[in-house]
Protein backbone atom coordinates (compact mmCIF):
# COMPACT_ATOMS: atom_id res chain seq x y z
CA VAL A 1 152.14 160.27 -16.48
CA GLN A 2 148.66 158.44 -17.05
CA LEU A 3 146.37 156.83 -14.78
CA GLN A 4 143.86 153.34 -15.18
CA ALA A 5 142.44 152.39 -12.46
CA TYR A 6 140.41 148.80 -12.87
CA GLY A 7 139.16 146.09 -10.80
CA GLY A 8 135.59 147.57 -9.05
CA GLY A 9 132.20 145.77 -9.00
CA LEU A 10 129.37 144.50 -7.43
CA VAL A 11 130.23 142.95 -3.90
CA GLN A 12 127.80 141.78 -0.86
CA ALA A 13 128.44 143.88 2.45
CA GLY A 14 131.47 141.85 4.40
CA GLY A 15 133.38 141.26 0.96
CA CYS A 16 136.16 141.61 -0.71
CA LEU A 17 137.91 143.37 -3.45
CA ARG A 18 140.76 144.66 -4.83
CA LEU A 19 141.53 147.87 -7.06
CA SER A 20 144.25 148.21 -9.37
CA CYS A 21 145.98 151.26 -10.77
CA ALA A 22 147.61 151.05 -14.28
CA ALA A 23 150.64 153.84 -14.44
CA SER A 24 152.28 154.76 -17.76
CA GLY A 25 154.30 157.55 -19.17
CA ARG A 26 156.64 158.60 -16.67
CA THR A 27 159.10 157.08 -13.95
CA PHE A 28 156.08 155.63 -11.44
CA SER A 29 158.41 155.54 -8.49
CA ASN A 30 159.07 159.54 -8.48
CA TYR A 31 155.44 160.27 -7.28
CA GLY A 32 153.56 159.60 -4.30
CA MET A 33 150.15 157.77 -4.81
CA GLY A 34 146.60 157.86 -3.26
CA TRP A 35 143.29 156.25 -3.69
CA PHE A 36 140.16 158.96 -3.15
CA ARG A 37 136.41 158.07 -4.07
CA GLN A 38 133.40 160.11 -4.26
CA ALA A 39 129.84 158.72 -3.71
CA PRO A 40 126.66 160.12 -5.09
CA ARG A 41 125.62 163.58 -4.37
CA LYS A 42 129.01 163.87 -2.13
CA GLU A 43 131.87 165.28 -2.44
CA ARG A 44 135.07 163.61 -3.34
CA GLU A 45 137.04 162.07 -0.13
CA PHE A 46 140.70 160.71 1.02
CA VAL A 47 140.72 157.08 1.18
CA ALA A 48 144.33 156.01 1.40
CA THR A 49 147.85 157.23 0.29
CA ILE A 50 151.36 155.66 0.05
CA SER A 51 155.23 157.30 -0.68
CA TRP A 52 156.71 156.59 -3.63
CA ILE A 53 158.80 153.37 -2.10
CA GLY A 54 155.83 152.33 0.04
CA GLY A 55 157.56 153.28 3.26
CA SER A 56 155.10 155.68 4.44
CA THR A 57 150.82 154.97 4.38
CA TYR A 58 147.88 156.54 5.60
CA TYR A 59 144.20 156.34 6.25
CA ALA A 60 141.08 158.02 6.56
CA ASP A 61 139.84 156.44 10.01
CA SER A 62 136.71 155.55 8.15
CA VAL A 63 138.66 152.42 6.13
CA LYS A 64 141.60 151.86 8.85
CA GLY A 65 142.04 148.52 9.50
CA ARG A 66 139.96 147.27 6.45
CA PHE A 67 141.89 148.94 3.30
CA THR A 68 145.20 148.40 2.52
CA ILE A 69 147.22 150.01 0.03
CA SER A 70 150.25 149.25 -1.32
CA ARG A 71 152.49 149.57 -4.71
CA ASP A 72 154.54 147.68 -7.14
CA ASN A 73 157.12 150.10 -8.83
CA ALA A 74 158.41 147.19 -11.08
CA LYS A 75 154.82 147.16 -12.61
CA ASN A 76 153.82 150.24 -12.00
CA THR A 77 150.56 149.45 -10.35
CA LEU A 78 149.01 150.76 -7.33
CA TYR A 79 146.80 148.65 -5.58
CA LEU A 80 144.11 149.05 -2.96
CA GLN A 81 142.85 145.76 -0.92
CA MET A 82 139.54 146.54 0.29
CA ASN A 83 138.48 143.48 2.92
CA SER A 84 134.86 143.17 5.24
CA LEU A 85 133.13 146.36 2.93
CA LYS A 86 130.22 148.00 3.64
CA PRO A 87 127.22 149.65 1.78
CA GLU A 88 128.90 153.19 2.70
CA ASP A 89 131.97 152.22 0.71
CA THR A 90 129.71 152.82 -2.23
CA ALA A 91 131.55 154.90 -4.66
CA VAL A 92 133.45 155.90 -7.52
CA TYR A 93 137.26 154.94 -6.45
CA TYR A 94 140.11 157.51 -8.00
CA CYS A 95 143.49 156.64 -8.50
CA ALA A 96 146.08 160.22 -8.43
CA ALA A 97 149.61 160.32 -8.09
CA ARG A 98 151.21 163.69 -6.73
CA VAL A 99 154.96 165.18 -7.87
CA GLY A 100 157.33 164.59 -5.41
CA GLY A 101 156.71 161.04 -3.84
CA VAL A 102 155.15 161.82 -0.64
CA THR A 103 151.91 160.76 0.76
CA SER A 104 148.79 163.84 1.03
CA SER A 105 145.30 163.28 1.71
CA THR A 106 144.24 166.81 0.22
CA THR A 107 142.96 166.34 -3.46
CA THR A 108 144.91 169.60 -4.40
CA SER A 109 147.97 168.16 -3.92
CA TYR A 110 147.74 165.84 -6.75
CA ASP A 111 148.44 166.29 -10.37
CA TYR A 112 147.19 163.50 -11.97
CA TRP A 113 144.00 161.49 -11.93
CA GLY A 114 142.68 157.74 -13.07
CA GLN A 115 138.94 158.04 -14.33
CA GLY A 116 137.64 156.23 -11.80
CA THR A 117 136.43 153.02 -10.98
CA LEU A 118 132.43 152.17 -9.28
CA VAL A 119 131.91 149.85 -6.31
CA THR A 120 129.04 149.03 -5.62
CA VAL A 121 128.60 147.32 -1.97
CA SER A 122 124.81 146.04 -1.75
CA SER A 123 123.46 145.09 2.22
């Protein structure tokens, strides 16, 4: 499956953004999906994950209550609604897909990755 993330940009602290990830090539609903991020000079870290029909979600503690992951299988699209953004949320955000359909917070369990979209939060 090919993944294309978009929707990043520059936003002030306290603002919001919605990231999207368009999937193509395989049956989108067969995959568990996740969002990860990588800040400068830091390792890639887990943000959120969602199961194949969206019945199960899981978030990193740092974003819980501020970010919402969702998916529209009819549109082959994954979303990340980000509210109350903080400067520490600044990073390149990546979407990823894993065969099997269940959730996961570990990078090594994902089989396909998008190219990333940059989110910059100014203070």
